[in-house]
Amino acid sequence: MSQPSLADIVSHIHSLPAMPAVALELLQTLSGGDPDVDALASRIARDQAITARVLRVANSPFYGLQMRVGSIHDAIVVLGFSAVRSLVLTSAVVTTLPAGKCAGFSADRFWRHVLGTAVAAQALARPLRRKPESLFIAGLLHDIGRLVMLSANPEGFARVIQIATERDCHLVDVETEIFGCDHTAVGAAIAQHWNFPADIVEALAFHHNPAQTAPGSLAAIIHYADGIAKALDLEGAENTQMARLQPAAIDALGLDWQTLTAVLAETHGRFEAHLPLLG
């Protein structure tokens, strides 16, 4: 049987459950503009499942708020619209996009890893003087291509897992062999389909190979955050493989050991605080 094309795989996104309308509206605000925050807060609040998860995170000890947040509007007031937008999008992605089922695949470990990468990227924002939200969202979505590949062909993805285990190599090393493309190409195509900002599309496309991008790019940051999440074993796997980091891309970020130590501690704290988003 011939390999499916990238277009074939990406077209499968139309058969996935639709994202909540408010999540799609929030995605559109990433590209700029002046959103009506009050109206968005009201629409978010109508989704009780998303609201409950967001408020559990907002009231976690990590944020250290002096008052208990009881509504999405109050959460926006005390945390800011960007922070709440990230939390809502995370909850929407996790609850809407199915991780699918195939032999050897753990949805729980998958979501824990992408959440770990997201909070690691967010922890890198301050020392790198970058806006934390785009880093968080790029980290959250960096492996989303795998969900579509798995949903489009669960037997094929099970074969990817089996071969990678037998060879003791990374999944990305086998994906092209079975699918004709890897999850980075699929993820970037999906991000373009959803009209994501160009830097997020690039980050999804090159987070395994940031040398193809400019020094200090979002792709390089996600590359490092991916490695941090794996080093901290946030997915809870028994045999997590260490990420293959590109030293030149990491060195270009200019972080010393003291800064990295603080990033690791913040990543762990953020991860524990954000776990309620996974259900």
C-alpha atoms as a PDB file:
ATOM      1  CA  MET A   1       0.000   0.000   0.000  1.00  0.00           C
ATOM      2  CA  SER A   2       1.368   3.438  -0.918  1.00  0.00           C
ATOM      3  CA  GLN A   3       2.188   5.992   1.731  1.00  0.00           C
ATOM      4  CA  PRO A   4      -0.402   8.716   2.368  1.00  0.00           C
ATOM      5  CA  SER A   5       0.578  12.219   1.316  1.00  0.00           C
ATOM      6  CA  LEU A   6       0.930  15.074   3.763  1.00  0.00           C
ATOM      7  CA  ALA A   7      -2.297  16.521   2.342  1.00  0.00           C
ATOM      8  CA  ASP A   8      -4.066  13.198   2.941  1.00  0.00           C
ATOM      9  CA  ILE A   9      -3.011  13.160   6.585  1.00  0.00           C
ATOM     10  CA  VAL A  10      -3.812  16.801   7.249  1.00  0.00           C
ATOM     11  CA  SER A  11      -7.217  16.444   5.586  1.00  0.00           C
ATOM     12  CA  HIS A  12      -8.103  14.031   8.371  1.00  0.00           C
ATOM     13  CA  ILE A  13      -8.354  16.974  10.748  1.00  0.00           C
ATOM     14  CA  HIS A  14     -11.825  17.623   9.291  1.00  0.00           C
ATOM     15  CA  SER A  15     -13.004  14.311  10.743  1.00  0.00           C
ATOM     16  CA  LEU A  16     -11.864  15.230  14.253  1.00  0.00           C
ATOM     17  CA  PRO A  17     -14.300  16.765  16.744  1.00  0.00           C
ATOM     18  CA  ALA A  18     -14.690  20.500  16.260  1.00  0.00           C
ATOM     19  CA  MET A  19     -12.902  22.807  18.657  1.00  0.00           C
ATOM     20  CA  PRO A  20     -15.251  24.825  20.875  1.00  0.00           C
ATOM     21  CA  ALA A  21     -16.260  28.049  19.123  1.00  0.00           C
ATOM     22  CA  VAL A  22     -14.781  30.181  21.894  1.00  0.00           C
ATOM     23  CA  ALA A  23     -11.424  28.409  21.514  1.00  0.00           C
ATOM     24  CA  LEU A  24     -11.359  29.148  17.791  1.00  0.00           C
ATOM     25  CA  GLU A  25     -12.237  32.761  18.544  1.00  0.00           C
ATOM     26  CA  LEU A  26      -9.379  32.926  21.037  1.00  0.00           C
ATOM     27  CA  LEU A  27      -7.007  31.462  18.449  1.00  0.00           C
ATOM     28  CA  GLN A  28      -7.923  34.292  16.090  1.00  0.00           C
ATOM     29  CA  THR A  29      -6.966  36.873  18.736  1.00  0.00           C
ATOM     30  CA  LEU A  30      -3.387  35.527  18.702  1.00  0.00           C
ATOM     31  CA  SER A  31      -2.771  37.394  15.458  1.00  0.00           C
ATOM     32  CA  GLY A  32      -3.441  40.752  17.063  1.00  0.00           C
ATOM     33  CA  GLY A  33      -6.412  43.063  17.189  1.00  0.00           C
ATOM     34  CA  ASP A  34      -8.312  44.364  20.186  1.00  0.00           C
ATOM     35  CA  PRO A  35     -10.551  41.577  21.504  1.00  0.00           C
ATOM     36  CA  ASP A  36     -13.722  42.263  23.454  1.00  0.00           C
ATOM     37  CA  VAL A  37     -12.515  40.717  26.710  1.00  0.00           C
ATOM     38  CA  ASP A  38     -15.836  41.009  28.524  1.00  0.00           C
ATOM     39  CA  ALA A  39     -17.710  39.277  25.712  1.00  0.00           C
ATOM     40  CA  LEU A  40     -15.076  36.528  25.491  1.00  0.00           C
ATOM     41  CA  ALA A  41     -15.208  36.006  29.260  1.00  0.00           C
ATOM     42  CA  SER A  42     -18.976  35.532  29.058  1.00  0.00           C
ATOM     43  CA  ARG A  43     -18.627  32.991  26.240  1.00  0.00           C
ATOM     44  CA  ILE A  44     -15.880  31.066  28.019  1.00  0.00           C
ATOM     45  CA  ALA A  45     -17.997  30.894  31.167  1.00  0.00           C
ATOM     46  CA  ARG A  46     -20.744  29.069  29.250  1.00  0.00           C
ATOM     47  CA  ASP A  47     -18.470  26.031  28.921  1.00  0.00           C
ATOM     48  CA  GLN A  48     -18.625  24.689  32.458  1.00  0.00           C
ATOM     49  CA  ALA A  49     -15.980  22.003  31.951  1.00  0.00           C
ATOM     50  CA  ILE A  50     -13.379  24.456  30.644  1.00  0.00           C
ATOM     51  CA  THR A  51     -14.294  27.035  33.278  1.00  0.00           C
ATOM     52  CA  ALA A  52     -13.891  24.527  36.122  1.00  0.00           C
ATOM     53  CA  ARG A  53     -10.432  23.485  34.976  1.00  0.00           C
ATOM     54  CA  VAL A  54      -9.241  27.055  34.450  1.00  0.00           C
ATOM     55  CA  LEU A  55     -10.454  28.181  37.877  1.00  0.00           C
ATOM     56  CA  ARG A  56      -8.750  25.215  39.584  1.00  0.00           C
ATOM     57  CA  VAL A  57      -5.441  26.332  38.072  1.00  0.00           C
ATOM     58  CA  ALA A  58      -6.032  30.022  38.803  1.00  0.00           C
ATOM     59  CA  ASN A  59      -6.654  29.184  42.466  1.00  0.00           C
ATOM     60  CA  SER A  60      -3.630  26.919  42.818  1.00  0.00           C
ATOM     61  CA  PRO A  61      -0.919  27.883  45.333  1.00  0.00           C
ATOM     62  CA  PHE A  62       1.460  28.539  42.409  1.00  0.00           C
ATOM     63  CA  TYR A  63      -0.206  31.883  41.645  1.00  0.00           C
ATOM     64  CA  GLY A  64      -0.373  32.868  45.321  1.00  0.00           C
ATOM     65  CA  LEU A  65      -3.504  34.979  44.983  1.00  0.00           C
ATOM     66  CA  GLN A  66      -4.800  36.682  48.123  1.00  0.00           C
ATOM     67  CA  MET A  67      -8.419  36.176  47.080  1.00  0.00           C
ATOM     68  CA  ARG A  68     -10.220  33.178  45.624  1.00  0.00           C
ATOM     69  CA  VAL A  69     -11.096  33.556  41.945  1.00  0.00           C
ATOM     70  CA  GLY A  70     -14.706  32.569  41.336  1.00  0.00           C
ATOM     71  CA  SER A  71     -15.290  33.471  37.691  1.00  0.00           C
ATOM     72  CA  ILE A  72     -13.524  33.693  34.338  1.00  0.00           C
ATOM     73  CA  HIS A  73     -13.934  37.480  34.437  1.00  0.00           C
ATOM     74  CA  ASP A  74     -12.198  37.650  37.824  1.00  0.00           C
ATOM     75  CA  ALA A  75      -9.443  35.341  36.569  1.00  0.00           C
ATOM     76  CA  ILE A  76      -8.799  37.718  33.660  1.00  0.00           C
ATOM     77  CA  VAL A  77      -8.676  40.681  36.061  1.00  0.00           C
ATOM     78  CA  VAL A  78      -6.064  39.126  38.363  1.00  0.00           C
ATOM     79  CA  LEU A  79      -4.062  36.960  35.928  1.00  0.00           C
ATOM     80  CA  GLY A  80      -4.475  38.916  32.717  1.00  0.00           C
ATOM     81  CA  PHE A  81      -6.212  38.037  29.480  1.00  0.00           C
ATOM     82  CA  SER A  82      -3.161  36.373  27.914  1.00  0.00           C
ATOM     83  CA  ALA A  83      -2.675  33.977  30.831  1.00  0.00           C
ATOM     84  CA  VAL A  84      -6.343  32.981  30.902  1.00  0.00           C
ATOM     85  CA  ARG A  85      -6.396  32.594  27.126  1.00  0.00           C
ATOM     86  CA  SER A  86      -3.541  30.080  27.387  1.00  0.00           C
ATOM     87  CA  LEU A  87      -5.365  28.129  30.095  1.00  0.00           C
ATOM     88  CA  VAL A  88      -8.616  28.058  28.124  1.00  0.00           C
ATOM     89  CA  LEU A  89      -6.878  26.948  24.924  1.00  0.00           C
ATOM     90  CA  THR A  90      -5.056  24.203  26.820  1.00  0.00           C
ATOM     91  CA  SER A  91      -8.278  22.878  28.312  1.00  0.00           C
ATOM     92  CA  ALA A  92     -10.027  23.068  24.926  1.00  0.00           C
ATOM     93  CA  VAL A  93      -7.233  21.239  23.100  1.00  0.00           C
ATOM     94  CA  VAL A  94      -6.967  18.495  25.723  1.00  0.00           C
ATOM     95  CA  THR A  95     -10.706  17.891  26.017  1.00  0.00           C
ATOM     96  CA  THR A  96     -11.524  18.185  22.310  1.00  0.00           C
ATOM     97  CA  LEU A  97      -8.694  16.608  20.335  1.00  0.00           C
ATOM     98  CA  PRO A  98      -8.681  12.851  20.894  1.00  0.00           C
ATOM     99  CA  ALA A  99      -5.321  11.232  21.492  1.00  0.00           C
ATOM    100  CA  GLY A 100      -6.650   8.109  19.801  1.00  0.00           C
ATOM    101  CA  LYS A 101      -5.810   4.544  20.645  1.00  0.00           C
ATOM    102  CA  CYS A 102      -3.141   2.239  19.304  1.00  0.00           C
ATOM    103  CA  ALA A 103      -0.774  -0.338  20.719  1.00  0.00           C
ATOM    104  CA  GLY A 104       2.024   1.178  22.765  1.00  0.00           C
ATOM    105  CA  PHE A 105       0.601   4.702  22.882  1.00  0.00           C
ATOM    106  CA  SER A 106      -0.269   6.366  26.191  1.00  0.00           C
ATOM    107  CA  ALA A 107      -2.547   9.400  25.923  1.00  0.00           C
ATOM    108  CA  ASP A 108      -1.753  10.322  29.525  1.00  0.00           C
ATOM    109  CA  ARG A 109       1.994  10.404  28.888  1.00  0.00           C
ATOM    110  CA  PHE A 110       1.471  12.318  25.644  1.00  0.00           C
ATOM    111  CA  TRP A 111      -0.516  15.105  27.307  1.00  0.00           C
ATOM    112  CA  ARG A 112       1.812  15.249  30.297  1.00  0.00           C
ATOM    113  CA  HIS A 113       4.772  15.694  27.965  1.00  0.00           C
ATOM    114  CA  VAL A 114       3.220  18.447  25.851  1.00  0.00           C
ATOM    115  CA  LEU A 115       2.036  20.262  28.991  1.00  0.00           C
ATOM    116  CA  GLY A 116       5.537  19.890  30.443  1.00  0.00           C
ATOM    117  CA  THR A 117       7.045  21.355  27.277  1.00  0.00           C
ATOM    118  CA  ALA A 118       4.555  24.226  27.368  1.00  0.00           C
ATOM    119  CA  VAL A 119       5.350  25.224  30.950  1.00  0.00           C
ATOM    120  CA  ALA A 120       9.093  24.782  30.359  1.00  0.00           C
ATOM    121  CA  ALA A 121       8.852  27.160  27.405  1.00  0.00           C
ATOM    122  CA  GLN A 122       6.867  29.573  29.564  1.00  0.00           C
ATOM    123  CA  ALA A 123       9.543  29.399  32.264  1.00  0.00           C
ATOM    124  CA  LEU A 124      12.143  30.329  29.642  1.00  0.00           C
ATOM    125  CA  ALA A 125      10.217  33.468  28.683  1.00  0.00           C
ATOM    126  CA  ARG A 126      11.491  35.706  31.470  1.00  0.00           C
ATOM    127  CA  PRO A 127      15.253  35.111  31.092  1.00  0.00           C
ATOM    128  CA  LEU A 128      14.892  35.275  27.303  1.00  0.00           C
ATOM    129  CA  ARG A 129      12.716  38.397  27.506  1.00  0.00           C
ATOM    130  CA  ARG A 130      10.005  36.896  25.364  1.00  0.00           C
ATOM    131  CA  LYS A 131       6.226  36.987  25.672  1.00  0.00           C
ATOM    132  CA  PRO A 132       5.275  33.845  27.595  1.00  0.00           C
ATOM    133  CA  GLU A 133       1.986  33.094  25.843  1.00  0.00           C
ATOM    134  CA  SER A 134       3.309  32.299  22.371  1.00  0.00           C
ATOM    135  CA  LEU A 135       5.975  30.095  23.975  1.00  0.00           C
ATOM    136  CA  PHE A 136       3.361  28.249  26.024  1.00  0.00           C
ATOM    137  CA  ILE A 137       1.035  27.652  23.069  1.00  0.00           C
ATOM    138  CA  ALA A 138       3.860  26.537  20.770  1.00  0.00           C
ATOM    139  CA  GLY A 139       5.007  24.097  23.451  1.00  0.00           C
ATOM    140  CA  LEU A 140       1.485  22.811  23.967  1.00  0.00           C
ATOM    141  CA  LEU A 141       1.013  22.150  20.243  1.00  0.00           C
ATOM    142  CA  HIS A 142       4.522  21.062  19.255  1.00  0.00           C
ATOM    143  CA  ASP A 143       3.562  17.373  18.918  1.00  0.00           C
ATOM    144  CA  ILE A 144      -0.007  17.870  17.725  1.00  0.00           C
ATOM    145  CA  GLY A 145       0.884  16.363  14.361  1.00  0.00           C
ATOM    146  CA  ARG A 146       1.157  12.991  16.073  1.00  0.00           C
ATOM    147  CA  LEU A 147      -2.490  13.114  17.137  1.00  0.00           C
ATOM    148  CA  VAL A 148      -3.610  13.545  13.542  1.00  0.00           C
ATOM    149  CA  MET A 149      -1.233  10.835  12.297  1.00  0.00           C
ATOM    150  CA  LEU A 150      -2.502   8.451  14.951  1.00  0.00           C
ATOM    151  CA  SER A 151      -6.130   9.308  14.228  1.00  0.00           C
ATOM    152  CA  ALA A 152      -5.638   8.969  10.462  1.00  0.00           C
ATOM    153  CA  ASN A 153      -3.852   5.610  10.682  1.00  0.00           C
ATOM    154  CA  PRO A 154      -3.695   4.015  14.161  1.00  0.00           C
ATOM    155  CA  GLU A 155      -2.235   0.787  12.766  1.00  0.00           C
ATOM    156  CA  GLY A 156       0.523   2.728  11.043  1.00  0.00           C
ATOM    157  CA  PHE A 157       1.349   4.686  14.175  1.00  0.00           C
ATOM    158  CA  ALA A 158       1.405   1.497  16.231  1.00  0.00           C
ATOM    159  CA  ARG A 159       3.990   0.250  13.730  1.00  0.00           C
ATOM    160  CA  VAL A 160       6.024   3.438  14.270  1.00  0.00           C
ATOM    161  CA  ILE A 161       6.051   2.804  18.014  1.00  0.00           C
ATOM    162  CA  GLN A 162       6.964  -0.847  17.552  1.00  0.00           C
ATOM    163  CA  ILE A 163       9.879  -0.131  15.188  1.00  0.00           C
ATOM    164  CA  ALA A 164      11.180   2.734  17.339  1.00  0.00           C
ATOM    165  CA  THR A 165      11.144   0.425  20.368  1.00  0.00           C
ATOM    166  CA  GLU A 166      12.928  -2.363  18.503  1.00  0.00           C
ATOM    167  CA  ARG A 167      15.604   0.030  17.207  1.00  0.00           C
ATOM    168  CA  ASP A 168      15.782   2.022  20.456  1.00  0.00           C
ATOM    169  CA  CYS A 169      15.378   5.254  18.518  1.00  0.00           C
ATOM    170  CA  HIS A 170      13.047   8.246  18.561  1.00  0.00           C
ATOM    171  CA  LEU A 171       9.584   8.135  16.993  1.00  0.00           C
ATOM    172  CA  VAL A 172      10.469  10.972  14.635  1.00  0.00           C
ATOM    173  CA  ASP A 173      13.180   8.756  13.144  1.00  0.00           C
ATOM    174  CA  VAL A 174      10.544   6.249  11.999  1.00  0.00           C
ATOM    175  CA  GLU A 175       7.522   8.414  11.185  1.00  0.00           C
ATOM    176  CA  THR A 176       8.650   9.319   7.670  1.00  0.00           C
ATOM    177  CA  GLU A 177       9.430   5.682   6.934  1.00  0.00           C
ATOM    178  CA  ILE A 178       5.821   4.684   7.653  1.00  0.00           C
ATOM    179  CA  PHE A 179       3.864   7.846   6.840  1.00  0.00           C
ATOM    180  CA  GLY A 180       6.002   9.599   4.249  1.00  0.00           C
ATOM    181  CA  CYS A 181       6.349  12.638   6.530  1.00  0.00           C
ATOM    182  CA  ASP A 182       6.907  13.261  10.224  1.00  0.00           C
ATOM    183  CA  HIS A 183       4.800  14.933  12.904  1.00  0.00           C
ATOM    184  CA  THR A 184       6.606  18.262  12.514  1.00  0.00           C
ATOM    185  CA  ALA A 185       5.388  18.654   8.929  1.00  0.00           C
ATOM    186  CA  VAL A 186       1.873  17.594   9.882  1.00  0.00           C
ATOM    187  CA  GLY A 187       1.797  19.912  12.897  1.00  0.00           C
ATOM    188  CA  ALA A 188       2.996  22.899  10.866  1.00  0.00           C
ATOM    189  CA  ALA A 189       0.365  22.223   8.198  1.00  0.00           C
ATOM    190  CA  ILE A 190      -2.351  22.081  10.856  1.00  0.00           C
ATOM    191  CA  ALA A 191      -1.118  25.346  12.413  1.00  0.00           C
ATOM    192  CA  GLN A 192      -1.319  26.983   8.985  1.00  0.00           C
ATOM    193  CA  HIS A 193      -4.828  25.572   8.546  1.00  0.00           C
ATOM    194  CA  TRP A 194      -5.828  27.215  11.830  1.00  0.00           C
ATOM    195  CA  ASN A 195      -4.183  30.523  10.780  1.00  0.00           C
ATOM    196  CA  PHE A 196      -1.643  30.514  13.583  1.00  0.00           C
ATOM    197  CA  PRO A 197       1.065  33.214  13.648  1.00  0.00           C
ATOM    198  CA  ALA A 198       4.056  32.440  11.425  1.00  0.00           C
ATOM    199  CA  ASP A 199       6.516  31.970  14.299  1.00  0.00           C
ATOM    200  CA  ILE A 200       4.325  29.249  15.859  1.00  0.00           C
ATOM    201  CA  VAL A 201       4.028  27.491  12.488  1.00  0.00           C
ATOM    202  CA  GLU A 202       7.824  27.618  12.183  1.00  0.00           C
ATOM    203  CA  ALA A 203       8.280  26.327  15.727  1.00  0.00           C
ATOM    204  CA  LEU A 204       6.102  23.293  15.030  1.00  0.00           C
ATOM    205  CA  ALA A 205       7.957  22.646  11.774  1.00  0.00           C
ATOM    206  CA  PHE A 206      11.503  22.914  13.148  1.00  0.00           C
ATOM    207  CA  HIS A 207      11.444  22.129  16.874  1.00  0.00           C
ATOM    208  CA  HIS A 208      13.554  19.033  16.180  1.00  0.00           C
ATOM    209  CA  ASN A 209      15.885  20.915  13.847  1.00  0.00           C
ATOM    210  CA  PRO A 210      16.155  24.558  14.969  1.00  0.00           C
ATOM    211  CA  ALA A 211      19.381  24.944  12.978  1.00  0.00           C
ATOM    212  CA  GLN A 212      17.071  25.606  10.035  1.00  0.00           C
ATOM    213  CA  THR A 213      15.839  28.781  11.757  1.00  0.00           C
ATOM    214  CA  ALA A 214      17.434  31.988  13.025  1.00  0.00           C
ATOM    215  CA  PRO A 215      19.401  31.907  16.317  1.00  0.00           C
ATOM    216  CA  GLY A 216      17.096  32.414  19.283  1.00  0.00           C
ATOM    217  CA  SER A 217      13.980  31.514  17.288  1.00  0.00           C
ATOM    218  CA  LEU A 218      10.785  30.221  18.843  1.00  0.00           C
ATOM    219  CA  ALA A 219      11.647  26.842  17.315  1.00  0.00           C
ATOM    220  CA  ALA A 220      14.940  26.832  19.243  1.00  0.00           C
ATOM    221  CA  ILE A 221      13.157  27.664  22.495  1.00  0.00           C
ATOM    222  CA  ILE A 222      10.648  24.842  21.999  1.00  0.00           C
ATOM    223  CA  HIS A 223      13.570  22.554  21.116  1.00  0.00           C
ATOM    224  CA  TYR A 224      15.122  23.361  24.502  1.00  0.00           C
ATOM    225  CA  ALA A 225      11.802  23.195  26.378  1.00  0.00           C
ATOM    226  CA  ASP A 226      11.175  19.742  24.892  1.00  0.00           C
ATOM    227  CA  GLY A 227      14.532  18.643  26.256  1.00  0.00           C
ATOM    228  CA  ILE A 228      13.809  20.133  29.689  1.00  0.00           C
ATOM    229  CA  ALA A 229      10.453  18.338  29.910  1.00  0.00           C
ATOM    230  CA  LYS A 230      12.127  15.038  29.046  1.00  0.00           C
ATOM    231  CA  ALA A 231      15.039  15.636  31.421  1.00  0.00           C
ATOM    232  CA  LEU A 232      12.574  16.218  34.264  1.00  0.00           C
ATOM    233  CA  ASP A 233      10.573  13.130  33.133  1.00  0.00           C
ATOM    234  CA  LEU A 234       7.327  15.071  33.411  1.00  0.00           C
ATOM    235  CA  GLU A 235       5.492  12.493  31.295  1.00  0.00           C
ATOM    236  CA  GLY A 236       6.176   9.834  33.926  1.00  0.00           C
ATOM    237  CA  ALA A 237       7.420   7.196  31.493  1.00  0.00           C
ATOM    238  CA  GLU A 238       9.544   4.286  32.633  1.00  0.00           C
ATOM    239  CA  ASN A 239      12.083   4.656  29.838  1.00  0.00           C
ATOM    240  CA  THR A 240      11.936   8.220  28.540  1.00  0.00           C
ATOM    241  CA  GLN A 241      14.547   8.861  25.869  1.00  0.00           C
ATOM    242  CA  MET A 242      16.593  12.002  26.305  1.00  0.00           C
ATOM    243  CA  ALA A 243      16.048  14.633  23.640  1.00  0.00           C
ATOM    244  CA  ARG A 244      18.764  15.137  21.026  1.00  0.00           C
ATOM    245  CA  LEU A 245      19.620  18.765  21.610  1.00  0.00           C
ATOM    246  CA  GLN A 246      21.536  20.875  19.087  1.00  0.00           C
ATOM    247  CA  PRO A 247      24.292  22.587  21.100  1.00  0.00           C
ATOM    248  CA  ALA A 248      24.587  25.577  18.754  1.00  0.00           C
ATOM    249  CA  ALA A 249      20.870  26.339  19.058  1.00  0.00           C
ATOM    250  CA  ILE A 250      21.010  26.045  22.859  1.00  0.00           C
ATOM    251  CA  ASP A 251      24.181  28.125  23.172  1.00  0.00           C
ATOM    252  CA  ALA A 252      22.605  30.893  21.084  1.00  0.00           C
ATOM    253  CA  LEU A 253      19.962  31.342  23.791  1.00  0.00           C
ATOM    254  CA  GLY A 254      22.729  32.483  26.151  1.00  0.00           C
ATOM    255  CA  LEU A 255      21.458  30.944  29.397  1.00  0.00           C
ATOM    256  CA  ASP A 256      23.960  30.231  32.179  1.00  0.00           C
ATOM    257  CA  TRP A 257      23.696  27.357  34.649  1.00  0.00           C
ATOM    258  CA  GLN A 258      22.247  29.509  37.439  1.00  0.00           C
ATOM    259  CA  THR A 259      19.475  30.720  35.155  1.00  0.00           C
ATOM    260  CA  LEU A 260      18.777  27.187  33.948  1.00  0.00           C
ATOM    261  CA  THR A 261      18.500  25.952  37.539  1.00  0.00           C
ATOM    262  CA  ALA A 262      15.826  28.575  38.203  1.00  0.00           C
ATOM    263  CA  VAL A 263      14.034  27.591  34.970  1.00  0.00           C
ATOM    264  CA  LEU A 264      13.985  23.932  36.024  1.00  0.00           C
ATOM    265  CA  ALA A 265      12.476  24.799  39.413  1.00  0.00           C
ATOM    266  CA  GLU A 266       9.855  27.074  37.857  1.00  0.00           C
ATOM    267  CA  THR A 267       8.991  24.435  35.262  1.00  0.00           C
ATOM    268  CA  HIS A 268       8.305  21.865  37.954  1.00  0.00           C
ATOM    269  CA  GLY A 269       6.116  24.289  39.914  1.00  0.00           C
ATOM    270  CA  ARG A 270       4.165  25.363  36.844  1.00  0.00           C
ATOM    271  CA  PHE A 271       3.660  21.759  35.771  1.00  0.00           C
ATOM    272  CA  GLU A 272       2.135  20.748  39.097  1.00  0.00           C
ATOM    273  CA  ALA A 273      -0.112  23.827  39.067  1.00  0.00           C
ATOM    274  CA  HIS A 274      -1.334  23.195  35.516  1.00  0.00           C
ATOM    275  CA  LEU A 275      -2.039  19.461  35.874  1.00  0.00           C
ATOM    276  CA  PRO A 276      -5.774  20.098  36.568  1.00  0.00           C
ATOM    277  CA  LEU A 277      -6.066  21.180  32.913  1.00  0.00           C
ATOM    278  CA  LEU A 278      -5.552  17.529  31.958  1.00  0.00           C
ATOM    279  CA  GLY A 279      -8.604  16.441  33.938  1.00  0.00           C
END
